[in-house]
């Protein structure tokens, strides 16, 4: 191989390395079993969440069905959940569920210790929404070891009946081939880095399926207390 070809090959490798997915937000939370081993929490991960105050995490209410606070740990600043690489973030026990004055699919969980991570702000825009989580991405797929972004666009094409009033939800569809799916519930939908909604539910998770996302504005009164 000539020096010119070797140089071009090196450029190609460097370019491919720089095109990796963006880092997840530091406020991203993985909800896991309190008994999960420290070197592999993926097998007990059941939902996502997002840090909205130093000791409060917002998630989907349905994520907590048949669970008690003492059975859950929150991994704040999570990314990789598998034993294939280091598991980062700060693991903190959950001490209480904090219900909101709504029947929508959203709830707060209280952490045993305040986080040192700056909480996410509530969004004032709906521009370029992106959901984050460890879901399967498509029906029958495998959960992701690392947090992945799912770019979405707001639509009015949702069908079905979410928890509570339809007015408490945004409806969104993916802009690409990957959708939010099993394992993504409770995770954040961000717009310009601020919290727009919480991943709730949908009729399916194919590339053309619209889903319901609980409006983060429902948190305003609780966070002002």
N, C-alpha and C. Protein backbone atom coordinates (compact mmCIF):
# COMPACT_ATOMS: atom_id res chain seq x y z
N UNK A 1 0.86 -1.20 0.00
CA UNK A 1 0.00 0.00 0.00
C UNK A 1 0.89 1.25 0.00
N UNK A 2 0.60 2.17 -0.87
CA UNK A 2 1.39 3.41 -0.95
C UNK A 2 1.09 4.28 0.25
N UNK A 3 2.00 5.28 0.47
CA UNK A 3 1.78 6.19 1.59
C UNK A 3 0.49 6.99 1.42
N UNK A 4 0.17 7.33 0.17
CA UNK A 4 -1.06 8.09 -0.08
C UNK A 4 -2.28 7.28 0.30
N UNK A 5 -2.29 5.99 -0.07
CA UNK A 5 -3.43 5.15 0.27
C UNK A 5 -3.52 4.92 1.77
N UNK A 6 -2.34 4.77 2.42
CA UNK A 6 -2.34 4.59 3.86
C UNK A 6 -2.90 5.83 4.56
N UNK A 7 -2.56 7.01 4.04
CA UNK A 7 -3.06 8.25 4.62
C UNK A 7 -4.57 8.35 4.47
N UNK A 8 -5.10 7.98 3.29
CA UNK A 8 -6.54 8.02 3.06
C UNK A 8 -7.25 7.02 3.97
N UNK A 9 -6.65 5.85 4.17
CA UNK A 9 -7.27 4.86 5.06
C UNK A 9 -7.33 5.37 6.49
N UNK A 10 -6.26 6.05 6.93
CA UNK A 10 -6.24 6.61 8.27
C UNK A 10 -7.32 7.67 8.44
N UNK A 11 -7.48 8.52 7.43
CA UNK A 11 -8.52 9.55 7.47
C UNK A 11 -9.90 8.92 7.59
N UNK A 12 -10.12 7.82 6.86
CA UNK A 12 -11.42 7.14 6.90
C UNK A 12 -11.71 6.60 8.29
N UNK A 13 -10.68 6.02 8.95
CA UNK A 13 -10.87 5.49 10.30
C UNK A 13 -11.19 6.60 11.27
N UNK A 14 -10.45 7.70 11.20
CA UNK A 14 -10.69 8.83 12.09
C UNK A 14 -12.07 9.42 11.89
N UNK A 15 -12.52 9.48 10.66
CA UNK A 15 -13.84 10.02 10.35
C UNK A 15 -14.93 9.14 10.93
N UNK A 16 -14.76 7.80 10.80
CA UNK A 16 -15.77 6.89 11.33
C UNK A 16 -15.83 6.96 12.85
N UNK A 17 -14.69 7.18 13.50
CA UNK A 17 -14.68 7.28 14.95
C UNK A 17 -15.35 8.54 15.44
N UNK A 18 -15.28 9.61 14.65
CA UNK A 18 -15.85 10.89 15.07
C UNK A 18 -17.34 10.98 14.81
N UNK A 19 -17.91 9.97 14.11
CA UNK A 19 -19.32 10.03 13.75
C UNK A 19 -20.17 9.18 14.68
N UNK A 20 -19.64 8.87 15.88
CA UNK A 20 -20.41 8.08 16.82
C UNK A 20 -21.59 8.88 17.36
N UNK A 21 -22.51 8.17 18.03
CA UNK A 21 -23.70 8.82 18.57
C UNK A 21 -23.31 9.85 19.63
N UNK A 22 -24.11 10.89 19.79
CA UNK A 22 -23.81 11.89 20.82
C UNK A 22 -23.91 11.29 22.21
N UNK A 23 -23.19 11.89 23.14
CA UNK A 23 -23.23 11.41 24.52
C UNK A 23 -24.60 11.69 25.11
N UNK A 24 -25.10 10.78 25.94
CA UNK A 24 -26.41 11.01 26.57
C UNK A 24 -26.33 12.15 27.56
N UNK A 25 -27.47 12.77 27.87
CA UNK A 25 -27.46 13.86 28.85
C UNK A 25 -27.07 13.35 30.23
N UNK A 26 -26.40 14.19 31.00
CA UNK A 26 -25.96 13.80 32.34
C UNK A 26 -27.14 13.56 33.29
N UNK A 27 -28.31 14.09 32.92
CA UNK A 27 -29.51 13.93 33.76
C UNK A 27 -30.27 12.64 33.49
N UNK A 28 -29.81 11.85 32.52
CA UNK A 28 -30.49 10.61 32.18
C UNK A 28 -30.35 9.60 33.32
N UNK A 29 -31.44 8.90 33.63
CA UNK A 29 -31.48 7.96 34.75
C UNK A 29 -31.96 6.59 34.26
N UNK A 30 -31.28 5.55 34.73
CA UNK A 30 -31.76 4.18 34.52
C UNK A 30 -32.33 3.69 35.84
N UNK A 31 -33.57 3.19 35.82
CA UNK A 31 -34.18 2.60 36.99
C UNK A 31 -33.92 1.10 36.97
N UNK A 32 -33.31 0.59 38.04
CA UNK A 32 -32.87 -0.79 38.09
C UNK A 32 -33.29 -1.41 39.42
N UNK A 33 -33.16 -2.73 39.50
CA UNK A 33 -33.45 -3.42 40.76
C UNK A 33 -32.40 -3.08 41.81
N UNK A 34 -32.84 -2.96 43.04
CA UNK A 34 -31.93 -2.71 44.16
C UNK A 34 -30.92 -3.84 44.33
N UNK A 35 -31.25 -5.02 43.83
CA UNK A 35 -30.37 -6.18 43.98
C UNK A 35 -29.45 -6.39 42.78
N UNK A 36 -29.47 -5.50 41.80
CA UNK A 36 -28.66 -5.68 40.60
C UNK A 36 -27.17 -5.67 40.95
N UNK A 37 -26.36 -6.58 40.36
CA UNK A 37 -24.92 -6.57 40.62
C UNK A 37 -24.29 -5.29 40.08
N UNK A 38 -23.21 -4.88 40.70
CA UNK A 38 -22.60 -3.59 40.32
C UNK A 38 -21.97 -3.61 38.94
N UNK A 39 -21.63 -4.80 38.43
CA UNK A 39 -20.93 -4.85 37.15
C UNK A 39 -21.85 -5.20 35.97
N UNK A 40 -23.14 -5.36 36.21
CA UNK A 40 -24.07 -5.70 35.12
C UNK A 40 -25.49 -5.42 35.58
N UNK A 41 -25.98 -4.22 35.28
CA UNK A 41 -27.32 -3.84 35.71
C UNK A 41 -28.36 -3.98 34.61
N UNK A 42 -27.90 -4.32 33.42
CA UNK A 42 -28.81 -4.37 32.27
C UNK A 42 -29.95 -5.35 32.47
N UNK A 43 -29.67 -6.47 33.11
CA UNK A 43 -30.70 -7.52 33.24
C UNK A 43 -31.85 -7.10 34.15
N UNK A 44 -31.63 -6.11 35.01
CA UNK A 44 -32.70 -5.67 35.90
C UNK A 44 -33.21 -4.28 35.57
N UNK A 45 -32.65 -3.66 34.53
CA UNK A 45 -33.16 -2.36 34.10
C UNK A 45 -34.59 -2.52 33.59
N UNK A 46 -35.50 -1.64 34.03
CA UNK A 46 -36.89 -1.78 33.60
C UNK A 46 -37.48 -0.50 33.02
N UNK A 47 -36.91 0.65 33.33
CA UNK A 47 -37.42 1.91 32.78
C UNK A 47 -36.34 2.98 32.86
N UNK A 48 -36.60 4.08 32.16
CA UNK A 48 -35.73 5.23 32.25
C UNK A 48 -36.32 6.30 33.13
N UNK A 49 -35.63 7.39 33.25
CA UNK A 49 -36.08 8.53 34.02
C UNK A 49 -35.18 9.71 33.74
N UNK A 50 -35.45 10.82 34.41
CA UNK A 50 -34.63 12.02 34.20
C UNK A 50 -34.63 12.83 35.50
N UNK A 51 -33.47 13.36 35.86
CA UNK A 51 -33.32 14.13 37.09
C UNK A 51 -33.93 15.52 36.90
N UNK A 52 -34.94 15.85 37.71
CA UNK A 52 -35.63 17.14 37.57
C UNK A 52 -35.40 18.07 38.76
N UNK A 53 -34.85 17.54 39.84
CA UNK A 53 -34.38 18.34 40.97
C UNK A 53 -33.29 17.50 41.63
N UNK A 54 -32.51 18.07 42.54
CA UNK A 54 -31.39 17.29 43.09
C UNK A 54 -31.77 15.92 43.65
N UNK A 55 -33.00 15.79 44.18
CA UNK A 55 -33.38 14.50 44.76
C UNK A 55 -34.67 13.93 44.18
N UNK A 56 -35.06 14.40 42.99
CA UNK A 56 -36.28 13.89 42.37
C UNK A 56 -36.02 13.47 40.92
N UNK A 57 -36.54 12.32 40.56
CA UNK A 57 -36.46 11.79 39.20
C UNK A 57 -37.87 11.64 38.65
N UNK A 58 -38.10 12.14 37.45
CA UNK A 58 -39.39 11.95 36.78
C UNK A 58 -39.33 10.69 35.92
N UNK A 59 -40.41 9.93 35.94
CA UNK A 59 -40.51 8.73 35.13
C UNK A 59 -41.98 8.50 34.80
N UNK A 60 -42.28 7.42 34.10
CA UNK A 60 -43.67 7.07 33.77
C UNK A 60 -44.30 6.35 34.95
N UNK A 61 -45.53 6.72 35.28
CA UNK A 61 -46.22 6.11 36.42
C UNK A 61 -46.36 4.60 36.26
N UNK A 62 -46.60 4.14 35.03
CA UNK A 62 -46.80 2.70 34.85
C UNK A 62 -45.54 1.89 35.14
N UNK A 63 -44.38 2.56 35.14
CA UNK A 63 -43.12 1.86 35.44
C UNK A 63 -43.08 1.34 36.87
N UNK A 64 -43.87 1.97 37.75
CA UNK A 64 -43.81 1.63 39.17
C UNK A 64 -44.89 0.64 39.60
N UNK A 65 -45.70 0.19 38.66
CA UNK A 65 -46.74 -0.79 38.99
C UNK A 65 -46.12 -2.03 39.64
N UNK A 66 -46.69 -2.45 40.76
CA UNK A 66 -46.25 -3.65 41.47
C UNK A 66 -44.80 -3.56 41.97
N UNK A 67 -44.31 -2.35 42.16
CA UNK A 67 -42.97 -2.16 42.71
C UNK A 67 -43.05 -1.28 43.96
N UNK A 68 -42.09 -1.44 44.84
CA UNK A 68 -41.98 -0.62 46.03
C UNK A 68 -40.73 0.24 45.92
N UNK A 69 -40.69 1.38 46.61
CA UNK A 69 -39.49 2.23 46.54
C UNK A 69 -38.22 1.48 46.94
N UNK A 70 -38.30 0.65 47.97
CA UNK A 70 -37.10 -0.03 48.46
C UNK A 70 -36.54 -1.06 47.48
N UNK A 71 -37.32 -1.40 46.45
CA UNK A 71 -36.86 -2.40 45.47
C UNK A 71 -36.11 -1.76 44.30
N UNK A 72 -35.99 -0.42 44.31
CA UNK A 72 -35.47 0.29 43.15
C UNK A 72 -34.24 1.12 43.50
N UNK A 73 -33.25 1.09 42.62
CA UNK A 73 -32.14 2.02 42.64
C UNK A 73 -32.20 2.87 41.38
N UNK A 74 -31.73 4.10 41.49
CA UNK A 74 -31.65 5.00 40.34
C UNK A 74 -30.18 5.22 39.99
N UNK A 75 -29.85 5.01 38.72
CA UNK A 75 -28.49 5.22 38.24
C UNK A 75 -28.48 6.54 37.47
N UNK A 76 -28.03 7.61 38.14
CA UNK A 76 -28.05 8.95 37.56
C UNK A 76 -26.80 9.17 36.71
N UNK A 77 -27.00 9.70 35.50
CA UNK A 77 -25.88 9.87 34.58
C UNK A 77 -25.48 8.58 33.92
N UNK A 78 -26.45 7.68 33.76
CA UNK A 78 -26.17 6.34 33.22
C UNK A 78 -25.93 6.39 31.71
N UNK A 79 -25.14 5.43 31.24
CA UNK A 79 -24.98 5.21 29.81
C UNK A 79 -24.89 3.70 29.57
N UNK A 80 -23.70 3.13 29.69
CA UNK A 80 -23.58 1.68 29.54
C UNK A 80 -24.15 0.97 30.76
N UNK A 81 -24.93 -0.10 30.51
CA UNK A 81 -25.52 -0.89 31.59
C UNK A 81 -25.00 -2.32 31.63
N UNK A 82 -24.17 -2.71 30.66
CA UNK A 82 -23.74 -4.10 30.54
C UNK A 82 -22.32 -4.31 31.05
N UNK A 83 -21.99 -5.56 31.33
CA UNK A 83 -20.67 -5.89 31.85
C UNK A 83 -19.58 -5.78 30.79
N UNK A 84 -19.94 -5.51 29.55
CA UNK A 84 -18.96 -5.40 28.47
C UNK A 84 -18.09 -4.15 28.59
N UNK A 85 -18.48 -3.21 29.43
CA UNK A 85 -17.70 -1.99 29.62
C UNK A 85 -18.01 -1.44 31.01
N UNK A 86 -17.26 -0.42 31.41
CA UNK A 86 -17.47 0.18 32.73
C UNK A 86 -18.87 0.76 32.84
N UNK A 87 -19.49 0.58 34.00
CA UNK A 87 -20.81 1.13 34.25
C UNK A 87 -20.65 2.41 35.06
N UNK A 88 -20.93 3.52 34.42
CA UNK A 88 -20.75 4.82 35.06
C UNK A 88 -22.01 5.30 35.74
N UNK A 89 -22.02 6.57 36.09
CA UNK A 89 -23.17 7.14 36.77
C UNK A 89 -23.08 6.92 38.27
N UNK A 90 -24.03 7.50 38.99
CA UNK A 90 -24.09 7.39 40.44
C UNK A 90 -25.34 6.63 40.84
N UNK A 91 -25.15 5.54 41.56
CA UNK A 91 -26.26 4.67 41.95
C UNK A 91 -26.79 5.09 43.32
N UNK A 92 -28.09 5.35 43.40
CA UNK A 92 -28.70 5.85 44.62
C UNK A 92 -30.02 5.13 44.87
N UNK A 93 -30.28 4.68 46.09
CA UNK A 93 -31.57 4.05 46.39
C UNK A 93 -32.73 5.04 46.27
N UNK A 94 -33.89 4.50 45.94
CA UNK A 94 -35.14 5.28 45.92
C UNK A 94 -35.83 5.11 47.27
N UNK A 95 -36.30 6.22 47.84
CA UNK A 95 -36.93 6.15 49.16
C UNK A 95 -38.44 6.33 49.13
N UNK A 96 -38.97 6.95 48.06
CA UNK A 96 -40.42 7.20 48.05
C UNK A 96 -40.88 7.48 46.63
N UNK A 97 -42.16 7.19 46.38
CA UNK A 97 -42.84 7.62 45.16
C UNK A 97 -43.60 8.90 45.50
N UNK A 98 -43.53 9.88 44.62
CA UNK A 98 -44.19 11.16 44.85
C UNK A 98 -45.25 11.37 43.76
N UNK A 99 -46.50 11.02 44.04
CA UNK A 99 -47.54 11.16 43.01
C UNK A 99 -47.82 12.62 42.72
N UNK A 100 -48.28 12.88 41.52
CA UNK A 100 -48.63 14.23 41.09
C UNK A 100 -50.15 14.38 41.05
N UNK A 101 -50.59 15.60 40.97
CA UNK A 101 -52.03 15.89 40.93
C UNK A 101 -52.54 15.73 39.50
N UNK A 102 -52.42 14.52 38.98
CA UNK A 102 -52.85 14.21 37.62
C UNK A 102 -53.04 12.71 37.50
N UNK A 103 -53.85 12.29 36.54
CA UNK A 103 -54.02 10.87 36.26
C UNK A 103 -53.18 10.44 35.07
N UNK A 104 -52.36 11.35 34.56
CA UNK A 104 -51.50 11.04 33.41
C UNK A 104 -50.35 10.12 33.83
N UNK A 105 -49.67 9.59 32.83
CA UNK A 105 -48.61 8.60 33.05
C UNK A 105 -47.29 9.30 33.39
N UNK A 106 -47.24 9.88 34.58
CA UNK A 106 -46.03 10.57 35.02
C UNK A 106 -46.01 10.59 36.55
N UNK A 107 -44.82 10.44 37.12
CA UNK A 107 -44.67 10.40 38.58
C UNK A 107 -43.25 10.81 38.92
N UNK A 108 -43.03 11.17 40.18
CA UNK A 108 -41.69 11.48 40.67
C UNK A 108 -41.26 10.40 41.66
N UNK A 109 -39.97 10.10 41.67
CA UNK A 109 -39.41 9.23 42.70
C UNK A 109 -38.33 10.02 43.43
N UNK A 110 -38.28 9.83 44.75
CA UNK A 110 -37.32 10.59 45.56
C UNK A 110 -36.08 9.73 45.84
N UNK A 111 -34.92 10.38 45.70
CA UNK A 111 -33.65 9.70 45.92
C UNK A 111 -33.22 9.80 47.39
N UNK A 112 -32.47 8.81 47.85
CA UNK A 112 -32.00 8.80 49.23
C UNK A 112 -31.00 9.92 49.48
N UNK A 113 -30.23 10.28 48.44
CA UNK A 113 -29.23 11.34 48.55
C UNK A 113 -29.38 12.28 47.36
N UNK A 114 -29.26 13.60 47.57
CA UNK A 114 -29.33 14.53 46.44
C UNK A 114 -28.17 14.28 45.47
N UNK A 115 -28.45 14.43 44.21
CA UNK A 115 -27.41 14.28 43.18
C UNK A 115 -26.63 15.58 43.03
N UNK A 116 -25.38 15.44 42.63
CA UNK A 116 -24.55 16.61 42.36
C UNK A 116 -24.70 17.08 40.91
N UNK A 117 -25.45 16.33 40.11
CA UNK A 117 -25.71 16.69 38.71
C UNK A 117 -26.75 17.81 38.66
N UNK A 118 -26.54 18.79 37.81
CA UNK A 118 -27.53 19.86 37.64
C UNK A 118 -28.79 19.30 36.99
N UNK A 119 -29.96 19.50 37.59
CA UNK A 119 -31.20 18.94 37.02
C UNK A 119 -31.52 19.53 35.65
N UNK A 120 -32.32 18.80 34.91
CA UNK A 120 -32.77 19.28 33.61
C UNK A 120 -33.80 20.40 33.80
N UNK A 121 -33.81 21.35 32.88
CA UNK A 121 -34.83 22.40 32.88
C UNK A 121 -36.03 21.93 32.07
N UNK A 122 -37.19 22.53 32.33
CA UNK A 122 -38.38 22.22 31.54
C UNK A 122 -38.32 22.99 30.23
N UNK A 123 -38.74 22.34 29.17
CA UNK A 123 -38.61 22.91 27.82
C UNK A 123 -39.60 24.04 27.58
N UNK A 124 -39.18 25.00 26.79
CA UNK A 124 -40.05 26.08 26.33
C UNK A 124 -40.25 26.00 24.83
N UNK A 125 -39.67 24.98 24.20
CA UNK A 125 -39.75 24.80 22.76
C UNK A 125 -40.02 23.34 22.45
N UNK A 126 -40.58 23.07 21.29
CA UNK A 126 -40.79 21.69 20.83
C UNK A 126 -39.88 21.37 19.65
N UNK A 127 -38.86 22.19 19.44
CA UNK A 127 -38.00 22.03 18.26
C UNK A 127 -37.10 20.80 18.39
N UNK A 128 -37.02 20.01 17.34
CA UNK A 128 -36.09 18.88 17.22
C UNK A 128 -36.09 17.97 18.44
N UNK A 129 -37.23 17.39 18.82
CA UNK A 129 -37.27 16.54 20.01
C UNK A 129 -36.51 15.23 19.82
N UNK A 130 -35.82 14.83 20.88
CA UNK A 130 -35.05 13.58 20.88
C UNK A 130 -35.33 12.83 22.17
N UNK A 131 -35.74 11.57 22.06
CA UNK A 131 -35.94 10.71 23.24
C UNK A 131 -34.66 9.94 23.51
N UNK A 132 -34.44 9.61 24.80
CA UNK A 132 -33.27 8.84 25.20
C UNK A 132 -33.69 7.64 26.03
N UNK A 133 -33.03 6.50 25.79
CA UNK A 133 -33.32 5.32 26.58
C UNK A 133 -32.52 4.12 26.14
N UNK A 134 -32.86 2.98 26.71
CA UNK A 134 -32.16 1.72 26.45
C UNK A 134 -33.11 0.70 25.82
N UNK A 135 -34.12 1.16 25.13
CA UNK A 135 -35.15 0.27 24.60
C UNK A 135 -34.68 -0.59 23.45
N UNK A 136 -35.60 -1.44 23.00
CA UNK A 136 -35.28 -2.41 21.95
C UNK A 136 -35.22 -1.79 20.56
N UNK A 137 -35.81 -0.61 20.39
CA UNK A 137 -35.72 0.08 19.10
C UNK A 137 -36.74 -0.36 18.07
N UNK A 138 -37.14 -1.61 18.13
CA UNK A 138 -38.13 -2.15 17.19
C UNK A 138 -38.75 -3.39 17.81
N UNK A 139 -39.93 -3.81 17.32
CA UNK A 139 -40.58 -4.99 17.90
C UNK A 139 -39.68 -6.22 17.83
N UNK A 140 -39.52 -6.90 18.95
CA UNK A 140 -38.71 -8.11 18.96
C UNK A 140 -37.22 -7.87 19.02
N UNK A 141 -36.79 -6.61 19.08
CA UNK A 141 -35.37 -6.31 19.12
C UNK A 141 -34.78 -6.54 20.50
N UNK A 142 -33.46 -6.34 20.59
CA UNK A 142 -32.75 -6.49 21.86
C UNK A 142 -32.56 -5.13 22.51
N UNK A 143 -32.61 -5.11 23.83
CA UNK A 143 -32.35 -3.87 24.54
C UNK A 143 -30.92 -3.41 24.27
N UNK A 144 -30.73 -2.11 24.29
CA UNK A 144 -29.41 -1.54 24.03
C UNK A 144 -28.59 -1.52 25.32
N UNK A 145 -27.30 -1.86 25.24
CA UNK A 145 -26.42 -1.75 26.40
C UNK A 145 -26.16 -0.29 26.75
N UNK A 146 -26.08 0.56 25.74
CA UNK A 146 -25.80 1.97 25.96
C UNK A 146 -27.02 2.81 25.60
N UNK A 147 -27.14 3.94 26.25
CA UNK A 147 -28.27 4.84 25.96
C UNK A 147 -28.17 5.34 24.53
N UNK A 148 -29.31 5.40 23.86
CA UNK A 148 -29.31 5.84 22.47
C UNK A 148 -30.37 6.90 22.25
N UNK A 149 -30.09 7.83 21.34
CA UNK A 149 -31.08 8.86 21.02
C UNK A 149 -32.05 8.38 19.95
N UNK A 150 -33.29 8.83 20.05
CA UNK A 150 -34.31 8.55 19.02
C UNK A 150 -34.91 9.88 18.59
N UNK A 151 -34.46 10.42 17.46
CA UNK A 151 -35.05 11.68 16.97
C UNK A 151 -36.51 11.49 16.58
N UNK A 152 -37.35 12.44 16.97
CA UNK A 152 -38.78 12.35 16.73
C UNK A 152 -39.30 13.65 16.14
N UNK A 153 -40.53 13.61 15.67
CA UNK A 153 -41.23 14.82 15.28
C UNK A 153 -42.65 14.76 15.84
N UNK A 154 -43.14 15.91 16.25
CA UNK A 154 -44.47 15.99 16.84
C UNK A 154 -45.52 15.84 15.74
N UNK A 155 -46.56 15.08 16.05
CA UNK A 155 -47.63 14.83 15.09
C UNK A 155 -48.97 14.81 15.83
N UNK A 156 -50.07 14.70 15.08
CA UNK A 156 -51.38 14.57 15.72
C UNK A 156 -52.04 13.26 15.30
N UNK A 157 -51.22 12.27 14.94
CA UNK A 157 -51.73 11.03 14.36
C UNK A 157 -51.86 9.88 15.36
N UNK A 158 -51.74 10.14 16.66
CA UNK A 158 -51.84 9.05 17.64
C UNK A 158 -53.24 8.46 17.69
N UNK A 159 -53.28 7.17 17.91
CA UNK A 159 -54.55 6.50 18.16
C UNK A 159 -54.42 5.72 19.47
N UNK A 160 -55.54 5.49 20.12
CA UNK A 160 -55.51 4.77 21.39
C UNK A 160 -55.93 5.65 22.54
N UNK A 161 -55.85 5.10 23.73
CA UNK A 161 -56.30 5.80 24.93
C UNK A 161 -55.22 5.72 26.00
N UNK A 162 -54.43 6.77 26.16
CA UNK A 162 -53.42 6.77 27.21
C UNK A 162 -54.06 6.98 28.58
N UNK A 163 -53.27 6.88 29.64
CA UNK A 163 -53.76 7.15 30.99
C UNK A 163 -54.16 8.62 31.11
N UNK A 164 -55.36 8.87 31.63
CA UNK A 164 -55.78 10.25 31.84
C UNK A 164 -56.28 10.92 30.58
N UNK A 165 -56.11 12.24 30.53
CA UNK A 165 -56.62 13.05 29.43
C UNK A 165 -55.63 13.13 28.28
N UNK A 166 -56.16 13.11 27.05
CA UNK A 166 -55.31 13.27 25.87
C UNK A 166 -54.56 14.60 25.89
N UNK A 167 -55.13 15.59 26.54
CA UNK A 167 -54.49 16.91 26.59
C UNK A 167 -53.18 16.89 27.35
N UNK A 168 -52.93 15.84 28.12
CA UNK A 168 -51.71 15.75 28.91
C UNK A 168 -50.56 15.11 28.14
N UNK A 169 -50.77 14.87 26.84
CA UNK A 169 -49.77 14.15 26.06
C UNK A 169 -49.41 14.89 24.77
N UNK A 170 -48.18 14.66 24.35
CA UNK A 170 -47.75 14.96 22.99
C UNK A 170 -47.74 13.65 22.22
N UNK A 171 -47.92 13.74 20.93
CA UNK A 171 -47.85 12.58 20.07
C UNK A 171 -46.66 12.78 19.13
N UNK A 172 -45.84 11.74 18.95
CA UNK A 172 -44.63 11.89 18.13
C UNK A 172 -44.33 10.60 17.38
N UNK A 173 -43.69 10.77 16.23
CA UNK A 173 -43.24 9.64 15.41
C UNK A 173 -41.76 9.80 15.12
N UNK A 174 -41.05 8.69 14.89
CA UNK A 174 -39.61 8.79 14.61
C UNK A 174 -39.34 9.43 13.26
N UNK A 175 -38.22 10.10 13.16
CA UNK A 175 -37.80 10.66 11.87
C UNK A 175 -36.92 9.68 11.11
N UNK A 176 -36.50 8.60 11.77
CA UNK A 176 -35.67 7.58 11.13
C UNK A 176 -36.30 6.21 11.26
N UNK A 177 -35.45 5.17 11.26
CA UNK A 177 -35.93 3.79 11.28
C UNK A 177 -36.10 3.24 12.68
N UNK A 178 -35.62 3.96 13.70
CA UNK A 178 -35.67 3.48 15.09
C UNK A 178 -36.71 4.28 15.87
N UNK A 179 -37.51 3.57 16.65
CA UNK A 179 -38.56 4.19 17.44
C UNK A 179 -38.31 3.91 18.93
N UNK A 180 -38.94 4.66 19.81
CA UNK A 180 -38.94 4.27 21.20
C UNK A 180 -39.75 2.98 21.33
N UNK A 181 -39.32 2.11 22.26
CA UNK A 181 -39.95 0.79 22.33
C UNK A 181 -39.81 0.26 23.74
N UNK A 182 -39.98 -1.04 23.90
CA UNK A 182 -39.89 -1.68 25.21
C UNK A 182 -38.57 -1.32 25.89
N UNK A 183 -38.65 -0.83 27.13
CA UNK A 183 -37.46 -0.43 27.87
C UNK A 183 -37.21 1.06 27.87
N UNK A 184 -37.87 1.80 26.96
CA UNK A 184 -37.68 3.25 26.88
C UNK A 184 -38.65 4.02 27.78
N UNK A 185 -39.71 3.36 28.25
CA UNK A 185 -40.71 4.04 29.07
C UNK A 185 -40.05 4.79 30.23
N UNK A 186 -40.58 5.97 30.52
CA UNK A 186 -40.08 6.77 31.62
C UNK A 186 -38.92 7.66 31.28
N UNK A 187 -38.28 7.41 30.15
CA UNK A 187 -37.14 8.21 29.74
C UNK A 187 -37.55 9.59 29.24
N UNK A 188 -36.59 10.49 29.08
CA UNK A 188 -36.91 11.86 28.69
C UNK A 188 -37.04 12.06 27.19
N UNK A 189 -37.95 12.94 26.82
CA UNK A 189 -38.01 13.50 25.48
C UNK A 189 -37.52 14.94 25.62
N UNK A 190 -36.38 15.23 25.02
CA UNK A 190 -35.74 16.52 25.18
C UNK A 190 -35.89 17.38 23.93
N UNK A 191 -35.98 18.68 24.13
CA UNK A 191 -35.97 19.65 23.03
C UNK A 191 -34.97 20.73 23.41
N UNK A 192 -33.94 20.89 22.60
CA UNK A 192 -32.86 21.84 22.92
C UNK A 192 -32.27 21.55 24.29
N UNK A 193 -32.18 20.27 24.66
CA UNK A 193 -31.58 19.87 25.91
C UNK A 193 -32.46 20.00 27.13
N UNK A 194 -33.67 20.50 26.97
CA UNK A 194 -34.60 20.68 28.09
C UNK A 194 -35.72 19.64 27.99
N UNK A 195 -36.38 19.39 29.12
CA UNK A 195 -37.36 18.30 29.19
C UNK A 195 -38.71 18.72 28.63
N UNK A 196 -39.10 18.06 27.56
CA UNK A 196 -40.37 18.33 26.91
C UNK A 196 -41.45 17.35 27.36
N UNK A 197 -41.07 16.08 27.54
CA UNK A 197 -42.07 15.06 27.89
C UNK A 197 -41.37 13.81 28.40
N UNK A 198 -42.19 12.87 28.88
CA UNK A 198 -41.71 11.57 29.36
C UNK A 198 -42.28 10.49 28.45
N UNK A 199 -41.43 9.54 28.04
CA UNK A 199 -41.88 8.45 27.18
C UNK A 199 -42.95 7.64 27.92
N UNK A 200 -44.11 7.46 27.27
CA UNK A 200 -45.22 6.77 27.91
C UNK A 200 -45.58 5.47 27.21
N UNK A 201 -46.28 5.54 26.09
CA UNK A 201 -46.80 4.32 25.47
C UNK A 201 -47.08 4.56 24.00
N UNK A 202 -47.49 3.50 23.32
CA UNK A 202 -47.84 3.61 21.91
C UNK A 202 -48.48 2.32 21.42
N UNK A 203 -49.11 2.38 20.26
CA UNK A 203 -49.75 1.20 19.69
C UNK A 203 -48.72 0.20 19.18
N UNK A 204 -47.52 0.66 18.91
CA UNK A 204 -46.44 -0.19 18.40
C UNK A 204 -45.15 0.60 18.39
N UNK A 205 -44.08 -0.04 17.95
CA UNK A 205 -42.81 0.69 17.90
C UNK A 205 -42.09 0.46 16.58
N UNK A 206 -42.86 0.36 15.52
CA UNK A 206 -42.29 0.35 14.19
C UNK A 206 -41.94 1.77 13.76
N UNK A 207 -41.26 1.93 12.64
CA UNK A 207 -40.82 3.26 12.21
C UNK A 207 -41.95 4.21 11.85
N UNK A 208 -43.16 3.68 11.64
CA UNK A 208 -44.29 4.55 11.29
C UNK A 208 -45.29 4.68 12.44
N UNK A 209 -44.97 4.09 13.59
CA UNK A 209 -45.92 4.10 14.71
C UNK A 209 -45.73 5.35 15.57
N UNK A 210 -46.84 6.02 15.85
CA UNK A 210 -46.81 7.19 16.72
C UNK A 210 -46.95 6.75 18.17
N UNK A 211 -46.36 7.51 19.06
CA UNK A 211 -46.43 7.18 20.48
C UNK A 211 -46.87 8.36 21.32
N UNK A 212 -47.29 8.06 22.55
CA UNK A 212 -47.70 9.09 23.50
C UNK A 212 -46.54 9.45 24.42
N UNK A 213 -46.38 10.74 24.66
CA UNK A 213 -45.32 11.27 25.52
C UNK A 213 -45.97 12.25 26.49
N UNK A 214 -45.85 11.96 27.80
CA UNK A 214 -46.54 12.77 28.81
C UNK A 214 -45.85 14.12 28.96
N UNK A 215 -46.64 15.18 28.88
CA UNK A 215 -46.08 16.54 28.91
C UNK A 215 -45.36 16.82 30.24
N UNK A 216 -44.14 17.33 30.14
CA UNK A 216 -43.35 17.65 31.34
C UNK A 216 -43.91 18.86 32.07
N UNK A 217 -44.75 19.65 31.41
CA UNK A 217 -45.36 20.81 32.07
C UNK A 217 -46.21 20.38 33.27
N UNK A 218 -46.61 19.11 33.33
CA UNK A 218 -47.38 18.62 34.47
C UNK A 218 -46.54 18.60 35.76
N UNK A 219 -45.23 18.74 35.62
CA UNK A 219 -44.34 18.73 36.77
C UNK A 219 -44.19 20.10 37.43
N UNK A 220 -44.64 21.14 36.76
CA UNK A 220 -44.33 22.51 37.19
C UNK A 220 -44.73 22.79 38.63
N UNK A 221 -45.95 22.49 39.00
CA UNK A 221 -46.40 22.82 40.35
C UNK A 221 -45.64 22.03 41.41
N UNK A 222 -45.35 20.76 41.12
CA UNK A 222 -44.63 19.94 42.09
C UNK A 222 -43.21 20.44 42.29
N UNK A 223 -42.57 20.93 41.25
CA UNK A 223 -41.20 21.40 41.35
C UNK A 223 -41.10 22.78 41.97
N UNK A 224 -42.21 23.49 42.04
CA UNK A 224 -42.22 24.82 42.65
C UNK A 224 -42.42 24.76 44.16
N UNK A 225 -42.78 23.59 44.69
CA UNK A 225 -43.05 23.48 46.13
C UNK A 225 -41.76 23.57 46.94
